[in-house]
Amino acid sequence: MKRLMLGMLLALALFPALAAQRLKDLTNIGGVRPNQLIGYGLVVGLDGSGDKVTSSPFTGQAMSNMLNQLGVQVPPGTKLDPKNIAAVTLTATLPPFARQGQAIDVTASSIGDAKSLRGGTLLLSPLKGADGQIYAMAQGNVVVGGAGASAGGSSAQINQLSVGRIPAGATVEREVPTALGSGEFINLELRESDFTTANRVVQAINKSFGQGTARAVDGRLIEVRAPFAPDQRVQFLAKMENIAVDPADVSPTVIINARTGSIVMNQAVTLAPCAVSHGNLTVTVSNTPQVSQPNPLSGGKTTVTNQTDISINTPGSKLINVPNGANLSRVVAALNALGANAQDLISILQAMKSAGALKADLQII
């Protein structure tokens, strides 16, 4: 595992330095953003894999309310326990410039104890935004990517059965106004704040459209003067988003996932010369039961005693000289020379950072 991980890091070192990127890959246009929608609904038509009302009472309540709205009067106190219905939460993303009648995808996730949503149909359900307004209505057949079977107390399952997707399952009913800027200006927002990149973006725009077209407000926000007419503004943005810009060099970073032992570093990481001693301490404790038998006619009793053996094994560790690493390939080679596994490398990298030998920002997640 260690060789595979470091081998992947070595492969990353072979990639060239950051090349020029289009503005559309580096920035977002202010105000042009998606909006999250959420809703609640019922999935019907399940093959006995729905919610149990005893543990999911809200399913029965929703079922009763739906029937009353459809003109079917359910007497108060009636217990509804259909096993072919499941309560679900609905999530969707309303893209920018979405228009009424546009279809969007919906994800249905069980919130009760339904075993599977396979074969179910979502009944008409509203999707609301953060302001509580209804922006879309969802309905359709739920597509589940998993599969499962059970018999005789044994079961097998592939992927999740309690989450499904409804392609083009919602229709937009309310539009979200999206303004391309305010007045004569539009705002470009860098996806990663960087003063060098912001300055290069301003220079590239001014070179293409004339001096004074763009100015940097800070390390993320750039104001761009654009035409007033909508069609001319769209043409202006279409040309501007394809301008090539050389982004600033990335900061050296090492990201460590302490839970999984994953270590990821970018090509800017370097090492200063240092010496590392690495070794493992193994403690083994064994317990051997022994029977103590008394002499005949002695009146004693047979007893069982435990004999504990403790051994401590310290493999020979040596002091390894880590040379200067000017690029990622040399850094990977130096770490490979330590002969440590992923978990040990986490401690070694932390120690290198404390000693000033690791020239990178160490982030532990």
Protein backbone atom coordinates (compact mmCIF):
# COMPACT_ATOMS: atom_id res chain seq x y z
CA MET A 1 0.00 0.00 0.00
CA LYS A 2 2.82 2.36 0.87
CA ARG A 3 4.65 1.72 -2.42
CA LEU A 4 1.42 2.19 -4.37
CA MET A 5 0.62 5.49 -2.64
CA LEU A 6 4.09 6.91 -3.11
CA GLY A 7 4.16 5.62 -6.67
CA MET A 8 1.04 7.64 -7.41
CA LEU A 9 2.71 10.69 -5.91
CA LEU A 10 5.71 10.10 -8.15
CA ALA A 11 3.41 9.99 -11.16
CA LEU A 12 2.00 13.36 -10.16
CA ALA A 13 5.53 14.75 -10.11
CA LEU A 14 5.88 14.04 -13.82
CA PHE A 15 3.06 16.44 -14.76
CA PRO A 16 4.22 19.78 -16.15
CA ALA A 17 3.84 23.03 -14.28
CA LEU A 18 0.52 24.82 -14.35
CA ALA A 19 -0.36 25.83 -17.89
CA ALA A 20 -2.49 28.75 -18.98
CA GLN A 21 -6.17 28.34 -18.14
CA ARG A 22 -9.29 29.97 -19.47
CA LEU A 23 -10.95 32.62 -17.34
CA LYS A 24 -14.10 30.47 -17.16
CA ASP A 25 -12.02 27.80 -15.38
CA LEU A 26 -10.54 30.27 -12.88
CA THR A 27 -13.47 32.55 -12.08
CA ASN A 28 -17.20 32.73 -11.51
CA ILE A 29 -19.41 35.58 -12.66
CA GLY A 30 -21.00 37.35 -9.71
CA GLY A 31 -24.70 36.52 -9.34
CA VAL A 32 -24.56 33.55 -11.72
CA ARG A 33 -25.04 30.68 -9.30
CA PRO A 34 -27.23 27.63 -8.72
CA ASN A 35 -29.81 27.41 -5.93
CA GLN A 36 -30.55 24.39 -3.77
CA LEU A 37 -34.09 23.07 -3.46
CA ILE A 38 -35.57 20.66 -0.93
CA GLY A 39 -38.91 18.93 -0.51
CA TYR A 40 -40.82 16.08 1.09
CA GLY A 41 -42.80 13.43 -0.72
CA LEU A 42 -44.18 9.91 -0.84
CA VAL A 43 -42.89 7.10 -3.02
CA VAL A 44 -45.60 4.52 -3.74
CA GLY A 45 -45.75 1.20 -5.55
CA LEU A 46 -42.97 -0.51 -3.60
CA ASP A 47 -42.90 -4.29 -3.38
CA GLY A 48 -43.41 -4.56 0.39
CA SER A 49 -40.16 -2.70 1.10
CA GLY A 50 -41.72 0.53 2.37
CA ASP A 51 -41.84 2.17 5.80
CA LYS A 52 -43.33 0.63 8.91
CA VAL A 53 -45.82 3.02 10.47
CA THR A 54 -44.88 1.84 13.96
CA SER A 55 -41.35 3.19 13.56
CA SER A 56 -42.09 5.88 10.94
CA PRO A 57 -45.40 7.47 12.00
CA PHE A 58 -44.92 10.49 9.72
CA THR A 59 -45.45 8.23 6.71
CA GLY A 60 -48.98 7.41 7.87
CA GLN A 61 -49.69 11.07 8.58
CA ALA A 62 -48.52 12.11 5.13
CA MET A 63 -50.57 9.33 3.55
CA SER A 64 -53.70 10.43 5.40
CA ASN A 65 -53.19 14.10 4.45
CA MET A 66 -52.67 13.21 0.80
CA LEU A 67 -55.84 11.13 0.66
CA ASN A 68 -57.85 13.93 2.29
CA GLN A 69 -56.57 16.42 -0.29
CA LEU A 70 -57.62 14.05 -3.08
CA GLY A 71 -61.14 13.82 -1.67
CA VAL A 72 -60.78 10.50 0.16
CA GLN A 73 -61.95 11.06 3.73
CA VAL A 74 -59.92 9.07 6.22
CA PRO A 75 -61.71 8.76 9.59
CA PRO A 76 -59.69 10.18 12.51
CA GLY A 77 -57.73 7.54 14.34
CA THR A 78 -57.55 5.21 11.34
CA LYS A 79 -54.27 3.34 11.32
CA LEU A 80 -52.67 3.22 7.88
CA ASP A 81 -49.94 0.65 7.53
CA PRO A 82 -49.25 0.06 3.83
CA LYS A 83 -45.88 -1.53 3.22
CA ASN A 84 -45.62 -0.21 -0.33
CA ILE A 85 -45.14 3.46 0.62
CA ALA A 86 -41.99 5.29 1.77
CA ALA A 87 -41.46 8.85 2.95
CA VAL A 88 -38.55 10.58 1.22
CA THR A 89 -36.74 13.88 1.18
CA LEU A 90 -36.24 15.43 -2.23
CA THR A 91 -33.22 17.46 -3.25
CA ALA A 92 -32.52 19.25 -6.52
CA THR A 93 -30.37 22.04 -7.90
CA LEU A 94 -31.96 24.95 -9.73
CA PRO A 95 -29.36 26.05 -12.31
CA PRO A 96 -28.75 29.70 -13.16
CA PHE A 97 -31.01 31.16 -15.85
CA ALA A 98 -33.57 28.36 -15.33
CA ARG A 99 -36.89 29.12 -17.00
CA GLN A 100 -40.44 28.00 -16.30
CA GLY A 101 -41.12 24.59 -17.76
CA GLN A 102 -37.46 23.53 -17.70
CA ALA A 103 -36.88 19.99 -16.38
CA ILE A 104 -34.29 19.28 -13.67
CA ASP A 105 -33.12 16.09 -11.98
CA VAL A 106 -34.32 15.11 -8.50
CA THR A 107 -32.77 12.84 -5.86
CA ALA A 108 -35.10 10.96 -3.49
CA SER A 109 -33.69 9.70 -0.17
CA SER A 110 -35.62 7.60 2.32
CA ILE A 111 -36.05 9.15 5.77
CA GLY A 112 -37.90 6.21 7.30
CA ASP A 113 -37.04 2.52 7.57
CA ALA A 114 -37.86 1.55 3.99
CA LYS A 115 -35.60 -1.24 2.76
CA SER A 116 -35.66 -0.21 -0.90
CA LEU A 117 -37.08 2.43 -3.24
CA ARG A 118 -36.69 0.21 -6.31
CA GLY A 119 -39.74 0.24 -8.55
CA GLY A 120 -41.40 3.14 -6.72
CA THR A 121 -43.09 6.24 -8.10
CA LEU A 122 -42.83 9.65 -6.50
CA LEU A 123 -46.15 11.44 -6.15
CA LEU A 124 -46.46 15.12 -7.03
CA SER A 125 -44.36 17.05 -4.47
CA PRO A 126 -43.26 20.69 -4.18
CA LEU A 127 -39.60 21.71 -4.05
CA LYS A 128 -38.85 24.82 -2.00
CA GLY A 129 -35.93 27.19 -1.76
CA ALA A 130 -34.32 28.74 1.32
CA ASP A 131 -36.98 31.46 1.29
CA GLY A 132 -39.80 28.93 1.63
CA GLN A 133 -41.17 29.59 -1.86
CA ILE A 134 -42.04 26.76 -4.25
CA TYR A 135 -39.72 26.79 -7.27
CA ALA A 136 -40.42 23.38 -8.84
CA MET A 137 -42.80 20.42 -8.73
CA ALA A 138 -41.45 16.86 -8.79
CA GLN A 139 -43.03 13.58 -9.84
CA GLY A 140 -41.90 10.43 -11.64
CA ASN A 141 -40.42 6.97 -11.44
CA VAL A 142 -37.48 6.47 -9.08
CA VAL A 143 -34.38 4.90 -10.61
CA VAL A 144 -32.28 2.96 -8.08
CA GLY A 145 -28.77 1.94 -9.06
CA GLY A 146 -28.39 -0.78 -6.43
CA ALA A 147 -29.68 -4.33 -6.16
CA GLY A 148 -30.37 -6.69 -3.27
CA ALA A 149 -31.86 -10.04 -2.34
CA SER A 150 -32.60 -11.88 0.90
CA ALA A 151 -33.73 -15.40 1.78
CA GLY A 152 -33.49 -17.70 4.77
CA GLY A 153 -32.06 -15.02 7.00
CA SER A 154 -29.24 -14.20 4.57
CA SER A 155 -29.04 -11.13 2.38
CA ALA A 156 -26.80 -9.59 -0.26
CA GLN A 157 -26.78 -6.00 -1.44
CA ILE A 158 -24.95 -3.92 -4.04
CA ASN A 159 -24.87 -0.15 -3.58
CA GLN A 160 -27.58 1.82 -1.77
CA LEU A 161 -31.23 0.88 -2.19
CA SER A 162 -32.69 3.69 -0.08
CA VAL A 163 -31.62 6.48 -2.45
CA GLY A 164 -32.85 6.92 -6.01
CA ARG A 165 -32.82 9.46 -8.79
CA ILE A 166 -35.58 10.81 -11.01
CA PRO A 167 -34.02 12.09 -14.26
CA ALA A 168 -35.82 15.25 -15.42
CA GLY A 169 -38.28 14.56 -12.63
CA ALA A 170 -39.07 18.15 -11.66
CA THR A 171 -40.47 21.07 -13.64
CA VAL A 172 -39.44 24.63 -12.82
CA GLU A 173 -42.44 26.74 -11.80
CA ARG A 174 -40.75 29.89 -10.52
CA GLU A 175 -37.72 31.66 -11.96
CA VAL A 176 -34.87 33.18 -9.99
CA PRO A 177 -33.79 36.53 -11.49
CA THR A 178 -30.12 36.47 -12.45
CA ALA A 179 -28.57 39.86 -13.15
CA LEU A 180 -25.34 39.93 -15.09
CA GLY A 181 -23.71 42.60 -13.00
CA SER A 182 -24.91 45.91 -11.61
CA GLY A 183 -25.04 48.84 -14.01
CA GLU A 184 -22.03 49.04 -16.27
CA PHE A 185 -19.95 46.60 -14.24
CA ILE A 186 -19.90 42.85 -13.81
CA ASN A 187 -17.98 41.07 -11.07
CA LEU A 188 -15.54 38.23 -11.58
CA GLU A 189 -14.83 36.13 -8.50
CA LEU A 190 -11.70 33.98 -8.39
CA ARG A 191 -12.42 30.46 -7.22
CA GLU A 192 -9.23 30.60 -5.14
CA SER A 193 -8.14 33.93 -3.69
CA ASP A 194 -4.71 34.96 -4.92
CA PHE A 195 -3.36 38.47 -5.49
CA THR A 196 -0.97 37.36 -8.22
CA THR A 197 -3.68 35.58 -10.19
CA ALA A 198 -6.06 38.54 -9.74
CA ASN A 199 -3.42 40.91 -11.11
CA ARG A 200 -2.75 38.65 -14.11
CA VAL A 201 -6.47 38.41 -14.85
CA VAL A 202 -6.78 42.21 -14.85
CA GLN A 203 -3.78 42.54 -17.17
CA ALA A 204 -5.15 39.91 -19.57
CA ILE A 205 -8.59 41.54 -19.77
CA ASN A 206 -7.16 45.03 -20.26
CA LYS A 207 -4.85 43.71 -22.96
CA SER A 208 -7.82 42.23 -24.85
CA PHE A 209 -10.40 45.01 -24.37
CA GLY A 210 -8.37 48.11 -23.60
CA GLN A 211 -6.84 49.76 -20.57
CA GLY A 212 -9.31 50.51 -17.77
CA THR A 213 -11.74 47.71 -18.64
CA ALA A 214 -10.95 45.71 -15.48
CA ARG A 215 -9.66 46.51 -12.03
CA ALA A 216 -8.97 44.32 -8.99
CA VAL A 217 -10.92 45.12 -5.83
CA ASP A 218 -9.05 42.57 -3.71
CA GLY A 219 -7.47 39.13 -4.03
CA ARG A 220 -10.73 37.56 -5.19
CA LEU A 221 -13.04 40.20 -6.69
CA ILE A 222 -12.43 41.86 -10.07
CA GLU A 223 -14.70 44.54 -11.54
CA VAL A 224 -15.09 44.54 -15.31
CA ARG A 225 -16.72 47.28 -17.37
CA ALA A 226 -19.15 45.65 -19.84
CA PRO A 227 -21.68 46.84 -22.47
CA PHE A 228 -25.22 47.68 -21.32
CA ALA A 229 -27.20 45.90 -24.04
CA PRO A 230 -27.93 42.26 -23.05
CA ASP A 231 -26.87 40.75 -26.38
CA GLN A 232 -23.65 42.78 -26.47
CA ARG A 233 -22.94 41.87 -22.84
CA VAL A 234 -23.35 38.16 -23.63
CA GLN A 235 -20.98 38.48 -26.60
CA PHE A 236 -18.52 40.34 -24.39
CA LEU A 237 -18.64 37.60 -21.72
CA ALA A 238 -18.32 34.85 -24.34
CA LYS A 239 -15.08 36.42 -25.57
CA MET A 240 -13.77 37.26 -22.11
CA GLU A 241 -14.28 33.80 -20.57
CA ASN A 242 -11.97 32.27 -23.21
CA ILE A 243 -9.02 34.55 -22.43
CA ALA A 244 -6.01 32.46 -21.35
CA VAL A 245 -4.36 33.41 -18.05
CA ASP A 246 -1.35 31.90 -16.31
CA PRO A 247 -2.44 31.31 -12.68
CA ALA A 248 -0.03 31.85 -9.83
CA ASP A 249 2.09 28.96 -8.64
CA VAL A 250 0.33 26.88 -6.01
CA SER A 251 1.53 27.02 -2.42
CA PRO A 252 3.32 23.87 -1.23
CA THR A 253 0.78 21.79 0.68
CA VAL A 254 0.69 18.34 2.23
CA ILE A 255 -2.77 17.04 3.18
CA ILE A 256 -2.97 14.16 5.65
CA ASN A 257 -6.09 12.15 6.43
CA ALA A 258 -5.33 10.71 9.86
CA ARG A 259 -8.33 8.36 9.71
CA THR A 260 -7.42 6.59 6.49
CA GLY A 261 -3.68 7.21 6.40
CA SER A 262 -3.91 8.98 3.03
CA ILE A 263 -1.19 11.47 2.19
CA VAL A 264 -1.46 13.86 -0.77
CA MET A 265 1.08 16.52 -1.68
CA ASN A 266 1.37 18.90 -4.61
CA GLN A 267 4.36 19.45 -6.88
CA ALA A 268 5.54 22.55 -5.00
CA VAL A 269 6.57 20.55 -1.90
CA THR A 270 10.32 20.48 -1.21
CA LEU A 271 12.57 19.06 1.49
CA ALA A 272 15.60 20.51 3.22
CA PRO A 273 18.41 18.11 4.17
CA CYS A 274 17.71 16.30 7.43
CA ALA A 275 18.35 13.00 9.22
CA VAL A 276 15.55 10.65 10.31
CA SER A 277 15.71 7.62 12.58
CA HIS A 278 12.73 5.32 12.22
CA GLY A 279 11.98 2.13 14.15
CA ASN A 280 9.08 0.12 15.55
CA LEU A 281 8.54 -1.22 19.03
CA THR A 282 6.59 -4.51 19.30
CA VAL A 283 5.27 -5.77 22.64
CA THR A 284 3.90 -9.36 22.73
CA VAL A 285 1.93 -10.68 25.70
CA SER A 286 1.03 -14.42 25.78
CA ASN A 287 -1.00 -16.25 28.41
CA THR A 288 -0.55 -20.03 28.87
CA PRO A 289 -2.91 -21.89 31.27
CA GLN A 290 -1.31 -24.60 33.47
CA VAL A 291 -2.98 -27.26 35.67
CA SER A 292 -1.67 -27.82 39.20
CA GLN A 293 -2.41 -31.42 40.33
CA PRO A 294 -2.02 -32.23 44.09
CA ASN A 295 -0.42 -35.46 45.34
CA PRO A 296 -2.71 -38.46 45.95
CA LEU A 297 -4.47 -38.53 49.36
CA SER A 298 -3.10 -35.04 50.12
CA GLY A 299 -6.55 -33.48 50.33
CA GLY A 300 -5.59 -30.74 47.91
CA LYS A 301 -7.65 -29.49 44.97
CA THR A 302 -6.77 -29.27 41.32
CA THR A 303 -6.30 -25.66 40.29
CA VAL A 304 -5.62 -23.90 37.00
CA THR A 305 -2.95 -21.23 36.93
CA ASN A 306 -1.92 -18.84 34.17
CA GLN A 307 1.65 -18.27 33.09
CA THR A 308 2.17 -14.93 31.35
CA ASP A 309 5.10 -14.31 29.03
CA ILE A 310 5.95 -10.79 27.88
CA SER A 311 8.46 -10.13 25.14
CA ILE A 312 9.60 -6.83 23.70
CA ASN A 313 11.05 -6.71 20.20
CA THR A 314 12.79 -3.61 18.93
CA PRO A 315 13.87 -3.95 15.30
CA GLY A 316 17.12 -2.33 14.53
CA SER A 317 16.57 1.26 13.45
CA LYS A 318 19.11 3.34 11.62
CA LEU A 319 19.70 6.99 11.03
CA ILE A 320 18.79 7.81 7.44
CA ASN A 321 20.05 10.91 5.71
CA VAL A 322 17.27 12.61 3.74
CA PRO A 323 18.80 14.69 0.94
CA ASN A 324 17.55 17.98 -0.34
CA GLY A 325 14.38 17.50 -2.39
CA ALA A 326 13.93 20.20 -5.03
CA ASN A 327 10.91 18.59 -6.69
CA LEU A 328 8.17 16.12 -5.90
CA SER A 329 9.92 13.13 -7.46
CA ARG A 330 12.93 13.58 -5.16
CA VAL A 331 10.65 14.09 -2.17
CA VAL A 332 8.85 10.81 -2.94
CA ALA A 333 12.16 8.99 -3.40
CA ALA A 334 13.41 10.29 -0.05
CA LEU A 335 10.23 9.20 1.75
CA ASN A 336 10.41 5.79 0.10
CA ALA A 337 13.93 5.37 1.46
CA LEU A 338 12.60 5.64 5.01
CA GLY A 339 10.80 2.28 4.63
CA ALA A 340 7.81 3.48 6.67
CA ASN A 341 4.15 2.69 6.17
CA ALA A 342 1.49 5.36 5.65
CA GLN A 343 0.67 5.77 9.34
CA ASP A 344 4.35 6.12 10.23
CA LEU A 345 4.85 8.65 7.46
CA ILE A 346 2.23 10.88 9.07
CA SER A 347 4.35 11.14 12.23
CA ILE A 348 7.55 11.54 10.22
CA LEU A 349 6.11 14.36 8.12
CA GLN A 350 4.86 16.14 11.23
CA ALA A 351 8.32 15.86 12.77
CA MET A 352 9.93 17.12 9.56
CA LYS A 353 7.60 20.12 9.57
CA SER A 354 8.46 20.92 13.19
CA ALA A 355 12.18 20.64 12.39
CA GLY A 356 11.82 23.00 9.43
CA ALA A 357 12.84 20.36 6.88
CA LEU A 358 9.42 20.07 5.20
CA LYS A 359 8.83 23.19 3.12
CA ALA A 360 5.04 22.99 2.90
CA ASP A 361 1.83 23.78 4.69
CA LEU A 362 0.78 20.67 6.61
CA GLN A 363 -3.00 20.18 6.77
CA ILE A 364 -4.52 17.35 8.80
CA ILE A 365 -8.15 16.49 8.06
